[in-house]
Amino acid sequence: MASFPVTERSAAELQDEARLIEAAKRDRQAFAALYDRYFDQIYSYCYYHTGNRQAAEDLASETFQRALEGLAGFEWRGVPYSAWLYKVAANLMAKQRRRPAFIELPEPLAAPVEQNPERVWLKREQGDELHAAVRRLPLDQREAVLLKFEGRLKNKEIGMIMGRSEGAVKLLLFRAVHKLRRLLSPPGRER
């Protein structure tokens, strides 16, 4: 499983973010800076949960629409704004899961940029295997893994989003990584 660096946010970065939020509250045009800063993260989070580009785009867009609508009531608490955005996205996905399913047609394969077809195939196969394994995790473990490795959030921030203690998040992540190792190991060979 790929490991992503967890980005620490300095006090200056948090103050900068608080200023961006206050500016966006006064002038909706200023919300574009927050959108630009966090859209890719929220989209990626939605994509890993849904496995579908169009659904992820729709969820990310709706997340930012809700964020813009709720900006006046947003209260700064010294936690990255992304934590609140992840919570909004998670709530939208939970709401969507309660809706009846629909038939989804597979997306056509895009032409690979890389020239070596074997390498392209292997890369795609490994990525598909990892995504499938992540989707097989229990929902709470999947959410913790995605927030940690895709969202690059700290355990404390993940706990705030999920409504759990930092210790509970550590345990969820430990169990999720252990299960992913089992799912991705060749049959009969535990890592």
N, C-alpha and C. Protein backbone atom coordinates (compact mmCIF):
# COMPACT_ATOMS: atom_id res chain seq x y z
N MET A 1 0.84 -1.18 0.00
CA MET A 1 0.00 0.00 0.00
C MET A 1 0.89 1.24 0.00
N ALA A 2 0.55 2.18 -0.85
CA ALA A 2 1.35 3.40 -0.95
C ALA A 2 1.22 4.21 0.33
N SER A 3 2.31 4.79 0.74
CA SER A 3 2.30 5.61 1.94
C SER A 3 2.44 7.07 1.53
N PHE A 4 1.58 7.90 2.04
CA PHE A 4 1.60 9.31 1.72
C PHE A 4 2.07 10.07 2.95
N PRO A 5 2.85 11.13 2.78
CA PRO A 5 3.28 11.90 3.93
C PRO A 5 2.09 12.64 4.54
N VAL A 6 2.03 12.63 5.84
CA VAL A 6 0.97 13.37 6.52
C VAL A 6 1.45 14.80 6.65
N THR A 7 0.69 15.69 6.08
CA THR A 7 1.12 17.08 6.08
C THR A 7 0.73 17.73 7.39
N GLU A 8 1.73 18.20 8.10
CA GLU A 8 1.50 18.93 9.34
C GLU A 8 1.14 20.36 8.96
N ARG A 9 0.23 20.92 9.66
CA ARG A 9 -0.15 22.30 9.38
C ARG A 9 0.40 23.19 10.49
N SER A 10 1.19 24.14 10.10
CA SER A 10 1.77 25.05 11.09
C SER A 10 0.71 26.05 11.54
N ALA A 11 1.03 26.75 12.61
CA ALA A 11 0.12 27.78 13.11
C ALA A 11 -0.10 28.85 12.04
N ALA A 12 0.96 29.17 11.30
CA ALA A 12 0.84 30.18 10.24
C ALA A 12 -0.09 29.70 9.13
N GLU A 13 0.00 28.41 8.77
CA GLU A 13 -0.88 27.87 7.74
C GLU A 13 -2.34 27.87 8.21
N LEU A 14 -2.55 27.54 9.47
CA LEU A 14 -3.92 27.55 10.01
C LEU A 14 -4.47 28.98 10.06
N GLN A 15 -3.62 29.94 10.41
CA GLN A 15 -4.06 31.35 10.42
C GLN A 15 -4.40 31.81 9.00
N ASP A 16 -3.58 31.39 8.04
CA ASP A 16 -3.84 31.73 6.64
C ASP A 16 -5.19 31.15 6.21
N GLU A 17 -5.45 29.92 6.62
CA GLU A 17 -6.72 29.29 6.28
C GLU A 17 -7.89 30.02 6.94
N ALA A 18 -7.72 30.42 8.18
CA ALA A 18 -8.78 31.17 8.88
C ALA A 18 -9.06 32.48 8.15
N ARG A 19 -8.02 33.14 7.66
CA ARG A 19 -8.21 34.39 6.89
C ARG A 19 -8.97 34.11 5.59
N LEU A 20 -8.63 33.00 4.92
CA LEU A 20 -9.35 32.65 3.69
C LEU A 20 -10.84 32.43 3.96
N ILE A 21 -11.13 31.77 5.05
CA ILE A 21 -12.53 31.50 5.41
C ILE A 21 -13.27 32.80 5.70
N GLU A 22 -12.63 33.68 6.47
CA GLU A 22 -13.26 34.96 6.79
C GLU A 22 -13.47 35.79 5.53
N ALA A 23 -12.50 35.76 4.62
CA ALA A 23 -12.64 36.50 3.36
C ALA A 23 -13.80 35.93 2.54
N ALA A 24 -13.94 34.61 2.54
CA ALA A 24 -15.01 33.96 1.78
C ALA A 24 -16.38 34.27 2.40
N LYS A 25 -16.42 34.46 3.70
CA LYS A 25 -17.68 34.83 4.35
C LYS A 25 -18.14 36.22 3.92
N ARG A 26 -17.17 37.12 3.71
CA ARG A 26 -17.48 38.49 3.29
C ARG A 26 -17.75 38.59 1.80
N ASP A 27 -17.02 37.78 1.01
CA ASP A 27 -17.12 37.86 -0.45
C ASP A 27 -17.10 36.44 -1.01
N ARG A 28 -18.23 36.00 -1.57
CA ARG A 28 -18.33 34.63 -2.06
C ARG A 28 -17.30 34.30 -3.14
N GLN A 29 -16.81 35.32 -3.85
CA GLN A 29 -15.79 35.10 -4.87
C GLN A 29 -14.50 34.55 -4.23
N ALA A 30 -14.25 34.92 -2.99
CA ALA A 30 -13.04 34.48 -2.29
C ALA A 30 -13.10 32.99 -1.94
N PHE A 31 -14.27 32.37 -2.02
CA PHE A 31 -14.40 30.93 -1.75
C PHE A 31 -13.60 30.12 -2.76
N ALA A 32 -13.32 30.69 -3.92
CA ALA A 32 -12.56 29.99 -4.97
C ALA A 32 -11.21 29.52 -4.45
N ALA A 33 -10.59 30.28 -3.56
CA ALA A 33 -9.28 29.88 -3.02
C ALA A 33 -9.41 28.60 -2.19
N LEU A 34 -10.48 28.49 -1.42
CA LEU A 34 -10.71 27.26 -0.64
C LEU A 34 -11.04 26.09 -1.56
N TYR A 35 -11.83 26.36 -2.57
CA TYR A 35 -12.19 25.34 -3.55
C TYR A 35 -10.93 24.81 -4.24
N ASP A 36 -10.09 25.71 -4.71
CA ASP A 36 -8.86 25.31 -5.39
C ASP A 36 -7.93 24.52 -4.47
N ARG A 37 -7.90 24.90 -3.23
CA ARG A 37 -7.00 24.26 -2.27
C ARG A 37 -7.44 22.83 -1.95
N TYR A 38 -8.75 22.57 -1.91
CA TYR A 38 -9.23 21.29 -1.39
C TYR A 38 -9.99 20.40 -2.37
N PHE A 39 -10.29 20.89 -3.56
CA PHE A 39 -11.13 20.08 -4.45
C PHE A 39 -10.50 18.73 -4.77
N ASP A 40 -9.23 18.71 -5.12
CA ASP A 40 -8.59 17.44 -5.50
C ASP A 40 -8.63 16.43 -4.37
N GLN A 41 -8.42 16.88 -3.14
CA GLN A 41 -8.46 15.97 -1.99
C GLN A 41 -9.86 15.39 -1.79
N ILE A 42 -10.85 16.24 -1.86
CA ILE A 42 -12.23 15.78 -1.64
C ILE A 42 -12.67 14.88 -2.78
N TYR A 43 -12.32 15.24 -4.01
CA TYR A 43 -12.65 14.40 -5.15
C TYR A 43 -12.02 13.01 -4.99
N SER A 44 -10.75 12.97 -4.63
CA SER A 44 -10.03 11.71 -4.47
C SER A 44 -10.69 10.86 -3.38
N TYR A 45 -11.06 11.48 -2.29
CA TYR A 45 -11.74 10.78 -1.19
C TYR A 45 -13.06 10.17 -1.69
N CYS A 46 -13.82 10.94 -2.42
CA CYS A 46 -15.10 10.47 -2.97
C CYS A 46 -14.87 9.35 -3.98
N TYR A 47 -13.83 9.49 -4.80
CA TYR A 47 -13.56 8.48 -5.82
C TYR A 47 -13.21 7.14 -5.18
N TYR A 48 -12.38 7.16 -4.15
CA TYR A 48 -12.00 5.91 -3.50
C TYR A 48 -13.19 5.25 -2.82
N HIS A 49 -14.14 6.05 -2.37
CA HIS A 49 -15.34 5.46 -1.76
C HIS A 49 -16.29 4.91 -2.81
N THR A 50 -16.40 5.60 -3.93
CA THR A 50 -17.40 5.19 -4.92
C THR A 50 -16.81 4.32 -6.03
N GLY A 51 -15.55 4.54 -6.37
CA GLY A 51 -14.94 3.81 -7.47
C GLY A 51 -15.43 4.26 -8.83
N ASN A 52 -16.10 5.40 -8.87
CA ASN A 52 -16.69 5.89 -10.12
C ASN A 52 -16.38 7.37 -10.28
N ARG A 53 -15.79 7.72 -11.42
CA ARG A 53 -15.37 9.10 -11.67
C ARG A 53 -16.55 10.06 -11.62
N GLN A 54 -17.63 9.73 -12.31
CA GLN A 54 -18.78 10.63 -12.37
C GLN A 54 -19.43 10.82 -11.00
N ALA A 55 -19.58 9.72 -10.27
CA ALA A 55 -20.17 9.82 -8.92
C ALA A 55 -19.28 10.66 -8.01
N ALA A 56 -17.96 10.47 -8.13
CA ALA A 56 -17.02 11.24 -7.30
C ALA A 56 -17.09 12.73 -7.64
N GLU A 57 -17.19 13.04 -8.93
CA GLU A 57 -17.31 14.45 -9.34
C GLU A 57 -18.60 15.06 -8.77
N ASP A 58 -19.68 14.31 -8.87
CA ASP A 58 -20.97 14.80 -8.36
C ASP A 58 -20.91 15.02 -6.85
N LEU A 59 -20.34 14.06 -6.13
CA LEU A 59 -20.25 14.18 -4.68
C LEU A 59 -19.33 15.33 -4.26
N ALA A 60 -18.20 15.46 -4.93
CA ALA A 60 -17.28 16.55 -4.60
C ALA A 60 -17.93 17.90 -4.88
N SER A 61 -18.61 18.00 -6.01
CA SER A 61 -19.30 19.25 -6.34
C SER A 61 -20.37 19.58 -5.31
N GLU A 62 -21.14 18.57 -4.95
CA GLU A 62 -22.20 18.80 -3.95
C GLU A 62 -21.60 19.17 -2.59
N THR A 63 -20.44 18.57 -2.26
CA THR A 63 -19.77 18.90 -1.01
C THR A 63 -19.42 20.39 -0.98
N PHE A 64 -18.85 20.89 -2.08
CA PHE A 64 -18.47 22.30 -2.11
C PHE A 64 -19.69 23.22 -2.20
N GLN A 65 -20.76 22.75 -2.83
CA GLN A 65 -21.99 23.53 -2.86
C GLN A 65 -22.53 23.70 -1.44
N ARG A 66 -22.55 22.58 -0.69
CA ARG A 66 -23.01 22.64 0.71
C ARG A 66 -22.07 23.50 1.55
N ALA A 67 -20.77 23.38 1.29
CA ALA A 67 -19.80 24.17 2.05
C ALA A 67 -20.02 25.67 1.81
N LEU A 68 -20.27 26.02 0.57
CA LEU A 68 -20.52 27.43 0.25
C LEU A 68 -21.82 27.91 0.91
N GLU A 69 -22.86 27.08 0.84
CA GLU A 69 -24.14 27.45 1.45
C GLU A 69 -24.02 27.56 2.97
N GLY A 70 -23.18 26.73 3.59
CA GLY A 70 -23.06 26.73 5.05
C GLY A 70 -21.93 27.57 5.58
N LEU A 71 -21.27 28.32 4.70
CA LEU A 71 -20.10 29.08 5.11
C LEU A 71 -20.42 30.12 6.19
N ALA A 72 -21.55 30.77 6.09
CA ALA A 72 -21.90 31.80 7.07
C ALA A 72 -21.99 31.22 8.48
N GLY A 73 -22.42 29.97 8.59
CA GLY A 73 -22.55 29.33 9.90
C GLY A 73 -21.31 28.58 10.34
N PHE A 74 -20.28 28.54 9.49
CA PHE A 74 -19.06 27.82 9.85
C PHE A 74 -18.32 28.56 10.94
N GLU A 75 -17.91 27.81 11.96
CA GLU A 75 -17.21 28.40 13.09
C GLU A 75 -15.78 27.85 13.13
N TRP A 76 -14.80 28.74 13.04
CA TRP A 76 -13.39 28.32 13.05
C TRP A 76 -13.03 27.81 14.44
N ARG A 77 -12.40 26.62 14.47
CA ARG A 77 -12.00 26.02 15.75
C ARG A 77 -10.53 25.61 15.75
N GLY A 78 -9.76 26.15 14.81
CA GLY A 78 -8.35 25.85 14.75
C GLY A 78 -8.01 24.52 14.10
N VAL A 79 -9.01 23.87 13.51
CA VAL A 79 -8.82 22.60 12.82
C VAL A 79 -8.90 22.88 11.32
N PRO A 80 -8.07 22.20 10.51
CA PRO A 80 -8.12 22.48 9.07
C PRO A 80 -9.53 22.40 8.50
N TYR A 81 -9.82 23.31 7.60
CA TYR A 81 -11.12 23.37 6.95
C TYR A 81 -11.44 22.07 6.23
N SER A 82 -10.39 21.38 5.77
CA SER A 82 -10.58 20.11 5.07
C SER A 82 -11.29 19.09 5.95
N ALA A 83 -11.06 19.13 7.25
CA ALA A 83 -11.73 18.17 8.15
C ALA A 83 -13.24 18.34 8.05
N TRP A 84 -13.69 19.59 7.99
CA TRP A 84 -15.14 19.84 7.87
C TRP A 84 -15.63 19.39 6.49
N LEU A 85 -14.83 19.64 5.45
CA LEU A 85 -15.23 19.23 4.10
C LEU A 85 -15.34 17.70 4.00
N TYR A 86 -14.40 16.98 4.62
CA TYR A 86 -14.47 15.52 4.61
C TYR A 86 -15.73 15.04 5.33
N LYS A 87 -16.08 15.71 6.39
CA LYS A 87 -17.30 15.33 7.13
C LYS A 87 -18.54 15.54 6.26
N VAL A 88 -18.59 16.65 5.54
CA VAL A 88 -19.71 16.92 4.63
C VAL A 88 -19.77 15.83 3.56
N ALA A 89 -18.62 15.51 2.96
CA ALA A 89 -18.57 14.49 1.91
C ALA A 89 -18.99 13.13 2.47
N ALA A 90 -18.52 12.79 3.66
CA ALA A 90 -18.89 11.50 4.27
C ALA A 90 -20.39 11.42 4.52
N ASN A 91 -20.98 12.52 4.97
CA ASN A 91 -22.43 12.54 5.20
C ASN A 91 -23.20 12.38 3.89
N LEU A 92 -22.72 13.03 2.84
CA LEU A 92 -23.39 12.90 1.53
C LEU A 92 -23.30 11.46 1.02
N MET A 93 -22.15 10.83 1.22
CA MET A 93 -22.00 9.44 0.77
C MET A 93 -22.87 8.50 1.59
N ALA A 94 -22.97 8.76 2.88
CA ALA A 94 -23.83 7.92 3.72
C ALA A 94 -25.29 8.07 3.28
N LYS A 95 -25.69 9.28 2.97
CA LYS A 95 -27.05 9.52 2.48
C LYS A 95 -27.27 8.81 1.15
N GLN A 96 -26.26 8.85 0.28
CA GLN A 96 -26.37 8.20 -1.02
C GLN A 96 -26.47 6.69 -0.89
N ARG A 97 -25.76 6.11 0.07
CA ARG A 97 -25.82 4.65 0.27
C ARG A 97 -27.21 4.19 0.67
N ARG A 98 -27.97 5.07 1.26
CA ARG A 98 -29.34 4.70 1.68
C ARG A 98 -30.31 4.73 0.52
N ARG A 99 -29.90 5.34 -0.61
CA ARG A 99 -30.75 5.37 -1.79
C ARG A 99 -30.68 4.03 -2.52
N PRO A 100 -31.72 3.69 -3.29
CA PRO A 100 -31.64 2.44 -4.06
C PRO A 100 -30.54 2.52 -5.12
N ALA A 101 -29.91 1.39 -5.35
CA ALA A 101 -28.82 1.32 -6.32
C ALA A 101 -29.34 1.46 -7.75
N PHE A 102 -28.48 1.83 -8.66
CA PHE A 102 -28.83 1.91 -10.07
C PHE A 102 -27.79 1.13 -10.86
N ILE A 103 -28.11 0.81 -12.08
CA ILE A 103 -27.19 0.05 -12.91
C ILE A 103 -26.14 1.01 -13.46
N GLU A 104 -24.88 0.61 -13.36
CA GLU A 104 -23.80 1.45 -13.81
C GLU A 104 -23.07 0.76 -14.96
N LEU A 105 -22.91 1.47 -16.07
CA LEU A 105 -22.18 0.92 -17.19
C LEU A 105 -20.69 1.17 -17.00
N PRO A 106 -19.83 0.24 -17.38
CA PRO A 106 -18.39 0.45 -17.19
C PRO A 106 -17.88 1.56 -18.10
N GLU A 107 -16.88 2.29 -17.59
CA GLU A 107 -16.28 3.36 -18.38
C GLU A 107 -15.33 2.76 -19.40
N PRO A 108 -15.24 3.35 -20.58
CA PRO A 108 -14.28 2.83 -21.57
C PRO A 108 -12.86 3.07 -21.08
N LEU A 109 -11.96 2.19 -21.45
CA LEU A 109 -10.57 2.32 -21.03
C LEU A 109 -9.90 3.45 -21.80
N ALA A 110 -9.20 4.30 -21.08
CA ALA A 110 -8.47 5.40 -21.71
C ALA A 110 -7.16 4.86 -22.28
N ALA A 111 -6.69 5.48 -23.34
CA ALA A 111 -5.42 5.07 -23.95
C ALA A 111 -4.29 5.41 -22.99
N PRO A 112 -3.44 4.44 -22.65
CA PRO A 112 -2.35 4.71 -21.70
C PRO A 112 -1.29 5.61 -22.31
N VAL A 113 -0.73 6.45 -21.45
CA VAL A 113 0.33 7.36 -21.87
C VAL A 113 1.64 6.60 -21.98
N GLU A 114 1.84 5.65 -21.06
CA GLU A 114 3.07 4.89 -21.04
C GLU A 114 3.12 3.94 -22.23
N GLN A 115 4.31 3.72 -22.78
CA GLN A 115 4.46 2.93 -24.00
C GLN A 115 4.49 1.42 -23.74
N ASN A 116 5.07 1.00 -22.64
CA ASN A 116 5.23 -0.42 -22.36
C ASN A 116 3.89 -1.01 -21.93
N PRO A 117 3.23 -1.80 -22.78
CA PRO A 117 1.90 -2.31 -22.45
C PRO A 117 1.90 -3.25 -21.24
N GLU A 118 2.98 -4.00 -21.04
CA GLU A 118 3.04 -4.89 -19.89
C GLU A 118 3.08 -4.11 -18.59
N ARG A 119 3.89 -3.04 -18.59
CA ARG A 119 3.99 -2.20 -17.39
C ARG A 119 2.66 -1.50 -17.11
N VAL A 120 2.01 -1.01 -18.15
CA VAL A 120 0.71 -0.35 -18.01
C VAL A 120 -0.29 -1.34 -17.42
N TRP A 121 -0.31 -2.54 -17.97
CA TRP A 121 -1.24 -3.55 -17.49
C TRP A 121 -0.97 -3.89 -16.03
N LEU A 122 0.30 -4.10 -15.66
CA LEU A 122 0.66 -4.45 -14.29
C LEU A 122 0.27 -3.34 -13.33
N LYS A 123 0.54 -2.10 -13.71
CA LYS A 123 0.20 -0.95 -12.87
C LYS A 123 -1.32 -0.87 -12.65
N ARG A 124 -2.06 -1.03 -13.73
CA ARG A 124 -3.52 -0.99 -13.64
C ARG A 124 -4.04 -2.14 -12.79
N GLU A 125 -3.48 -3.32 -13.00
CA GLU A 125 -3.90 -4.51 -12.26
C GLU A 125 -3.65 -4.34 -10.76
N GLN A 126 -2.47 -3.83 -10.39
CA GLN A 126 -2.16 -3.62 -8.98
C GLN A 126 -3.06 -2.55 -8.37
N GLY A 127 -3.30 -1.47 -9.12
CA GLY A 127 -4.19 -0.42 -8.63
C GLY A 127 -5.60 -0.92 -8.45
N ASP A 128 -6.08 -1.71 -9.42
CA ASP A 128 -7.42 -2.27 -9.32
C ASP A 128 -7.52 -3.21 -8.12
N GLU A 129 -6.48 -4.00 -7.90
CA GLU A 129 -6.47 -4.94 -6.78
C GLU A 129 -6.50 -4.20 -5.45
N LEU A 130 -5.72 -3.14 -5.34
CA LEU A 130 -5.70 -2.35 -4.11
C LEU A 130 -7.05 -1.67 -3.88
N HIS A 131 -7.61 -1.05 -4.94
CA HIS A 131 -8.92 -0.39 -4.79
C HIS A 131 -9.99 -1.40 -4.39
N ALA A 132 -9.96 -2.58 -4.98
CA ALA A 132 -10.93 -3.61 -4.64
C ALA A 132 -10.77 -4.04 -3.18
N ALA A 133 -9.52 -4.17 -2.74
CA ALA A 133 -9.27 -4.57 -1.35
C ALA A 133 -9.76 -3.48 -0.39
N VAL A 134 -9.51 -2.22 -0.71
CA VAL A 134 -9.97 -1.13 0.15
C VAL A 134 -11.50 -1.12 0.22
N ARG A 135 -12.15 -1.38 -0.92
CA ARG A 135 -13.63 -1.41 -0.93
C ARG A 135 -14.18 -2.57 -0.13
N ARG A 136 -13.38 -3.61 0.11
CA ARG A 136 -13.84 -4.77 0.89
C ARG A 136 -13.70 -4.54 2.39
N LEU A 137 -13.04 -3.48 2.79
CA LEU A 137 -12.91 -3.18 4.22
C LEU A 137 -14.27 -2.76 4.77
N PRO A 138 -14.49 -3.00 6.06
CA PRO A 138 -15.71 -2.44 6.68
C PRO A 138 -15.71 -0.92 6.50
N LEU A 139 -16.88 -0.34 6.44
CA LEU A 139 -17.04 1.07 6.11
C LEU A 139 -16.20 1.98 7.01
N ASP A 140 -16.19 1.74 8.32
CA ASP A 140 -15.43 2.62 9.21
C ASP A 140 -13.93 2.50 8.96
N GLN A 141 -13.43 1.30 8.69
CA GLN A 141 -12.02 1.12 8.39
C GLN A 141 -11.67 1.78 7.05
N ARG A 142 -12.53 1.60 6.06
CA ARG A 142 -12.30 2.20 4.74
C ARG A 142 -12.22 3.72 4.87
N GLU A 143 -13.15 4.29 5.60
CA GLU A 143 -13.16 5.74 5.76
C GLU A 143 -11.89 6.22 6.45
N ALA A 144 -11.46 5.52 7.50
CA ALA A 144 -10.24 5.91 8.22
C ALA A 144 -9.02 5.82 7.31
N VAL A 145 -8.92 4.75 6.52
CA VAL A 145 -7.79 4.58 5.61
C VAL A 145 -7.77 5.69 4.56
N LEU A 146 -8.90 6.00 3.99
CA LEU A 146 -8.94 7.03 2.96
C LEU A 146 -8.63 8.42 3.52
N LEU A 147 -9.13 8.71 4.70
CA LEU A 147 -8.83 10.00 5.30
C LEU A 147 -7.35 10.11 5.65
N LYS A 148 -6.76 9.01 6.08
CA LYS A 148 -5.35 9.01 6.47
C LYS A 148 -4.43 9.10 5.25
N PHE A 149 -4.64 8.24 4.27
CA PHE A 149 -3.69 8.13 3.18
C PHE A 149 -4.06 8.98 1.96
N GLU A 150 -5.31 9.18 1.71
CA GLU A 150 -5.71 10.05 0.61
C GLU A 150 -5.88 11.48 1.10
N GLY A 151 -6.51 11.63 2.26
CA GLY A 151 -6.75 12.97 2.80
C GLY A 151 -5.55 13.53 3.53
N ARG A 152 -4.60 12.65 3.87
CA ARG A 152 -3.38 13.06 4.57
C ARG A 152 -3.67 13.78 5.87
N LEU A 153 -4.68 13.29 6.58
CA LEU A 153 -5.06 13.90 7.85
C LEU A 153 -4.40 13.19 9.01
N LYS A 154 -4.27 13.88 10.11
CA LYS A 154 -3.74 13.29 11.34
C LYS A 154 -4.87 12.50 12.01
N ASN A 155 -4.47 11.58 12.87
CA ASN A 155 -5.46 10.74 13.57
C ASN A 155 -6.46 11.58 14.36
N LYS A 156 -5.99 12.65 14.96
CA LYS A 156 -6.87 13.53 15.73
C LYS A 156 -7.95 14.14 14.83
N GLU A 157 -7.54 14.57 13.63
CA GLU A 157 -8.49 15.17 12.68
C GLU A 157 -9.47 14.11 12.17
N ILE A 158 -8.97 12.91 11.93
CA ILE A 158 -9.85 11.82 11.49
C ILE A 158 -10.87 11.52 12.58
N GLY A 159 -10.41 11.52 13.82
CA GLY A 159 -11.32 11.28 14.95
C GLY A 159 -12.42 12.31 15.02
N MET A 160 -12.08 13.57 14.75
CA MET A 160 -13.11 14.62 14.78
C MET A 160 -14.14 14.38 13.68
N ILE A 161 -13.69 13.97 12.51
CA ILE A 161 -14.59 13.74 11.39
C ILE A 161 -15.49 12.54 11.68
N MET A 162 -14.89 11.48 12.21
CA MET A 162 -15.62 10.23 12.42
C MET A 162 -16.34 10.16 13.77
N GLY A 163 -16.10 11.15 14.62
CA GLY A 163 -16.73 11.14 15.94
C GLY A 163 -16.14 10.07 16.85
N ARG A 164 -14.82 9.87 16.76
CA ARG A 164 -14.14 8.85 17.55
C ARG A 164 -12.90 9.45 18.20
N SER A 165 -12.38 8.74 19.20
CA SER A 165 -11.16 9.21 19.85
C SER A 165 -9.96 8.92 18.95
N GLU A 166 -8.86 9.58 19.25
CA GLU A 166 -7.64 9.37 18.48
C GLU A 166 -7.17 7.92 18.61
N GLY A 167 -7.31 7.35 19.81
CA GLY A 167 -6.94 5.95 20.02
C GLY A 167 -7.80 5.00 19.20
N ALA A 168 -9.09 5.30 19.11
CA ALA A 168 -9.99 4.45 18.31
C ALA A 168 -9.60 4.51 16.83
N VAL A 169 -9.17 5.67 16.38
CA VAL A 169 -8.75 5.82 14.99
C VAL A 169 -7.49 4.99 14.74
N LYS A 170 -6.53 5.05 15.69
CA LYS A 170 -5.31 4.25 15.55
C LYS A 170 -5.64 2.76 15.44
N LEU A 171 -6.58 2.31 16.26
CA LEU A 171 -6.98 0.91 16.23
C LEU A 171 -7.66 0.56 14.90
N LEU A 172 -8.54 1.44 14.43
CA LEU A 172 -9.19 1.22 13.13
C LEU A 172 -8.16 1.10 12.01
N LEU A 173 -7.17 1.99 12.01
CA LEU A 173 -6.14 1.97 10.98
C LEU A 173 -5.29 0.71 11.08
N PHE A 174 -4.95 0.31 12.29
CA PHE A 174 -4.17 -0.90 12.48
C PHE A 174 -4.92 -2.11 11.92
N ARG A 175 -6.19 -2.22 12.27
CA ARG A 175 -6.99 -3.35 11.79
C ARG A 175 -7.16 -3.31 10.27
N ALA A 176 -7.35 -2.11 9.74
CA ALA A 176 -7.53 -1.97 8.28
C ALA A 176 -6.27 -2.38 7.53
N VAL A 177 -5.12 -1.91 7.98
CA VAL A 177 -3.87 -2.25 7.31
C VAL A 177 -3.61 -3.75 7.42
N HIS A 178 -3.88 -4.31 8.59
CA HIS A 178 -3.70 -5.76 8.77
C HIS A 178 -4.61 -6.54 7.81
N LYS A 179 -5.86 -6.10 7.68
CA LYS A 179 -6.79 -6.79 6.77
C LYS A 179 -6.36 -6.61 5.31
N LEU A 180 -5.89 -5.43 4.96
CA LEU A 180 -5.42 -5.20 3.59
C LEU A 180 -4.24 -6.11 3.26
N ARG A 181 -3.34 -6.28 4.23
CA ARG A 181 -2.21 -7.20 4.00
C ARG A 181 -2.71 -8.61 3.72
N ARG A 182 -3.71 -9.04 4.49
CA ARG A 182 -4.26 -10.39 4.27
C ARG A 182 -4.94 -10.48 2.91
N LEU A 183 -5.69 -9.45 2.55
CA LEU A 183 -6.40 -9.47 1.28
C LEU A 183 -5.46 -9.43 0.08
N LEU A 184 -4.34 -8.76 0.23
CA LEU A 184 -3.42 -8.59 -0.89
C LEU A 184 -2.31 -9.64 -0.93
N SER A 185 -2.22 -10.48 0.10
CA SER A 185 -1.21 -11.54 0.13
C SER A 185 -1.64 -12.68 -0.79
N PRO A 186 -0.65 -13.33 -1.41
CA PRO A 186 -0.99 -14.51 -2.21
C PRO A 186 -1.64 -15.57 -1.32
N PRO A 187 -2.55 -16.38 -1.85
CA PRO A 187 -3.20 -17.42 -1.04
C PRO A 187 -2.19 -18.32 -0.36
N GLY A 188 -2.42 -18.59 0.92
CA GLY A 188 -1.55 -19.46 1.68
C GLY A 188 -0.28 -18.80 2.18
N ARG A 189 -0.16 -17.49 1.95
CA ARG A 189 1.06 -16.79 2.40
C ARG A 189 0.68 -15.51 3.10
N GLU A 190 0.65 -15.52 4.40
CA GLU A 190 0.34 -14.35 5.22
C GLU A 190 1.60 -13.52 5.39
N ARG A 191 1.50 -12.24 5.23
CA ARG A 191 2.66 -11.35 5.42
C ARG A 191 2.86 -11.05 6.88
